[in-house]
């Protein structure tokens, strides 16, 4: 019996969830995978990065929903371009996906 494997599953080692604001700007974060998750506000997207996970803006759900399988094996990177004010005082985080190859 492999106790290390059993303990790994029983301890449920999750990556910490960070806000997009907490990511450094202009740094490329390799994307391990993106998954669709149910939230109390409807479906959302979570990007699993090497050391954490982040919720992606809802505006990306329609565009990425059919391409979630493409975001595996760190083929793509995520770059936070910082915060931008839109409309009347509303702020949003700008993101860019880039090839890691």
C-alpha atoms as a PDB file:
ATOM      1  CA  UNK A   1       0.000   0.000   0.000  1.00  0.00           C
ATOM      2  CA  UNK A   2       1.353   3.452  -0.992  1.00  0.00           C
ATOM      3  CA  UNK A   3       0.587   5.761   1.931  1.00  0.00           C
ATOM      4  CA  UNK A   4       2.064   8.808   0.192  1.00  0.00           C
ATOM      5  CA  UNK A   5      -0.487   8.570  -2.629  1.00  0.00           C
ATOM      6  CA  UNK A   6      -3.359   7.963  -0.215  1.00  0.00           C
ATOM      7  CA  UNK A   7      -2.339  10.908   1.971  1.00  0.00           C
ATOM      8  CA  UNK A   8      -1.962  13.185  -1.033  1.00  0.00           C
ATOM      9  CA  UNK A   9      -5.597  12.532  -1.944  1.00  0.00           C
ATOM     10  CA  UNK A  10      -6.901  12.644   1.615  1.00  0.00           C
ATOM     11  CA  UNK A  11      -5.245  15.992   2.395  1.00  0.00           C
ATOM     12  CA  UNK A  12      -6.728  17.565  -0.736  1.00  0.00           C
ATOM     13  CA  UNK A  13      -3.761  19.747  -1.553  1.00  0.00           C
ATOM     14  CA  UNK A  14      -5.398  22.659  -3.401  1.00  0.00           C
ATOM     15  CA  UNK A  15      -3.556  25.546  -4.923  1.00  0.00           C
ATOM     16  CA  UNK A  16      -4.429  28.848  -3.259  1.00  0.00           C
ATOM     17  CA  UNK A  17      -6.898  31.089  -5.061  1.00  0.00           C
ATOM     18  CA  UNK A  18      -5.632  34.558  -5.860  1.00  0.00           C
ATOM     19  CA  UNK A  19      -7.301  37.605  -7.300  1.00  0.00           C
ATOM     20  CA  UNK A  20      -6.210  38.686 -10.757  1.00  0.00           C
ATOM     21  CA  UNK A  21      -5.141  41.935  -9.096  1.00  0.00           C
ATOM     22  CA  UNK A  22      -2.580  39.980  -7.077  1.00  0.00           C
ATOM     23  CA  UNK A  23      -0.768  38.740 -10.183  1.00  0.00           C
ATOM     24  CA  UNK A  24       2.254  40.729 -11.200  1.00  0.00           C
ATOM     25  CA  UNK A  25       1.805  42.731 -14.379  1.00  0.00           C
ATOM     26  CA  UNK A  26       3.811  41.958 -17.499  1.00  0.00           C
ATOM     27  CA  UNK A  27       4.797  38.531 -16.111  1.00  0.00           C
ATOM     28  CA  UNK A  28       3.882  35.393 -18.039  1.00  0.00           C
ATOM     29  CA  UNK A  29       2.169  32.733 -15.916  1.00  0.00           C
ATOM     30  CA  UNK A  30       2.055  29.269 -17.552  1.00  0.00           C
ATOM     31  CA  UNK A  31      -1.524  27.958 -17.632  1.00  0.00           C
ATOM     32  CA  UNK A  32      -1.763  24.329 -16.481  1.00  0.00           C
ATOM     33  CA  UNK A  33      -5.480  24.130 -17.330  1.00  0.00           C
ATOM     34  CA  UNK A  34      -8.696  26.109 -17.426  1.00  0.00           C
ATOM     35  CA  UNK A  35     -11.896  24.604 -16.088  1.00  0.00           C
ATOM     36  CA  UNK A  36     -15.526  25.638 -16.018  1.00  0.00           C
ATOM     37  CA  UNK A  37     -16.929  25.740 -12.488  1.00  0.00           C
ATOM     38  CA  UNK A  38     -20.367  26.435 -11.059  1.00  0.00           C
ATOM     39  CA  UNK A  39     -20.600  29.481  -8.791  1.00  0.00           C
ATOM     40  CA  UNK A  40     -23.494  31.143  -6.997  1.00  0.00           C
ATOM     41  CA  UNK A  41     -23.516  33.703  -9.834  1.00  0.00           C
ATOM     42  CA  UNK A  42     -23.603  31.129 -12.640  1.00  0.00           C
ATOM     43  CA  UNK A  43     -20.795  29.338 -14.460  1.00  0.00           C
ATOM     44  CA  UNK A  44     -17.295  30.724 -14.241  1.00  0.00           C
ATOM     45  CA  UNK A  45     -13.788  29.893 -15.407  1.00  0.00           C
ATOM     46  CA  UNK A  46     -10.814  29.085 -13.205  1.00  0.00           C
ATOM     47  CA  UNK A  47      -7.296  29.135 -14.612  1.00  0.00           C
ATOM     48  CA  UNK A  48      -4.905  26.861 -12.788  1.00  0.00           C
ATOM     49  CA  UNK A  49      -1.439  28.380 -12.870  1.00  0.00           C
ATOM     50  CA  UNK A  50       1.760  26.789 -11.573  1.00  0.00           C
ATOM     51  CA  UNK A  51       1.467  28.116  -8.018  1.00  0.00           C
ATOM     52  CA  UNK A  52      -2.137  29.298  -7.677  1.00  0.00           C
ATOM     53  CA  UNK A  53      -5.516  29.486  -9.362  1.00  0.00           C
ATOM     54  CA  UNK A  54      -7.451  32.553 -10.469  1.00  0.00           C
ATOM     55  CA  UNK A  55     -11.022  33.197 -11.518  1.00  0.00           C
ATOM     56  CA  UNK A  56     -11.142  34.645 -15.020  1.00  0.00           C
ATOM     57  CA  UNK A  57     -13.540  37.436 -15.970  1.00  0.00           C
ATOM     58  CA  UNK A  58     -17.033  36.315 -17.024  1.00  0.00           C
ATOM     59  CA  UNK A  59     -16.567  38.109 -20.343  1.00  0.00           C
ATOM     60  CA  UNK A  60     -14.219  35.289 -21.428  1.00  0.00           C
ATOM     61  CA  UNK A  61     -16.650  32.421 -20.798  1.00  0.00           C
ATOM     62  CA  UNK A  62     -18.283  32.438 -24.239  1.00  0.00           C
ATOM     63  CA  UNK A  63     -14.976  32.693 -26.111  1.00  0.00           C
ATOM     64  CA  UNK A  64     -13.111  30.034 -24.088  1.00  0.00           C
ATOM     65  CA  UNK A  65     -15.897  27.573 -23.317  1.00  0.00           C
ATOM     66  CA  UNK A  66     -15.307  25.464 -26.440  1.00  0.00           C
ATOM     67  CA  UNK A  67     -11.513  25.592 -26.127  1.00  0.00           C
ATOM     68  CA  UNK A  68     -10.878  24.456 -22.550  1.00  0.00           C
ATOM     69  CA  UNK A  69      -9.089  21.295 -23.705  1.00  0.00           C
ATOM     70  CA  UNK A  70      -6.551  23.455 -25.571  1.00  0.00           C
ATOM     71  CA  UNK A  71      -5.325  24.901 -22.258  1.00  0.00           C
ATOM     72  CA  UNK A  72      -3.394  21.880 -21.049  1.00  0.00           C
ATOM     73  CA  UNK A  73       0.263  21.060 -20.631  1.00  0.00           C
ATOM     74  CA  UNK A  74       1.289  24.697 -20.204  1.00  0.00           C
ATOM     75  CA  UNK A  75       0.953  25.405 -23.935  1.00  0.00           C
ATOM     76  CA  UNK A  76      -0.293  28.900 -23.175  1.00  0.00           C
ATOM     77  CA  UNK A  77       0.629  31.609 -20.756  1.00  0.00           C
ATOM     78  CA  UNK A  78      -1.470  34.286 -19.064  1.00  0.00           C
ATOM     79  CA  UNK A  79      -0.235  37.870 -18.762  1.00  0.00           C
ATOM     80  CA  UNK A  80      -1.978  40.431 -16.576  1.00  0.00           C
ATOM     81  CA  UNK A  81      -1.783  43.846 -18.222  1.00  0.00           C
ATOM     82  CA  UNK A  82      -3.081  45.653 -15.156  1.00  0.00           C
ATOM     83  CA  UNK A  83      -6.270  47.414 -14.227  1.00  0.00           C
ATOM     84  CA  UNK A  84      -8.240  49.719 -16.507  1.00  0.00           C
ATOM     85  CA  UNK A  85     -11.130  52.021 -15.634  1.00  0.00           C
ATOM     86  CA  UNK A  86     -14.124  51.631 -17.922  1.00  0.00           C
ATOM     87  CA  UNK A  87     -17.493  53.336 -18.002  1.00  0.00           C
ATOM     88  CA  UNK A  88     -18.131  55.353 -14.862  1.00  0.00           C
ATOM     89  CA  UNK A  89     -15.461  54.417 -12.317  1.00  0.00           C
ATOM     90  CA  UNK A  90     -15.823  50.659 -12.999  1.00  0.00           C
ATOM     91  CA  UNK A  91     -12.467  48.859 -13.063  1.00  0.00           C
ATOM     92  CA  UNK A  92     -11.494  45.684 -14.863  1.00  0.00           C
ATOM     93  CA  UNK A  93      -8.337  43.631 -15.288  1.00  0.00           C
ATOM     94  CA  UNK A  94      -6.922  43.322 -18.790  1.00  0.00           C
ATOM     95  CA  UNK A  95      -5.486  39.909 -19.736  1.00  0.00           C
ATOM     96  CA  UNK A  96      -3.591  38.454 -22.625  1.00  0.00           C
ATOM     97  CA  UNK A  97      -3.037  34.805 -23.518  1.00  0.00           C
ATOM     98  CA  UNK A  98       0.216  33.952 -25.306  1.00  0.00           C
ATOM     99  CA  UNK A  99       1.856  30.820 -26.718  1.00  0.00           C
ATOM    100  CA  UNK A 100       4.400  29.157 -24.464  1.00  0.00           C
ATOM    101  CA  UNK A 101       5.915  27.224 -27.362  1.00  0.00           C
END
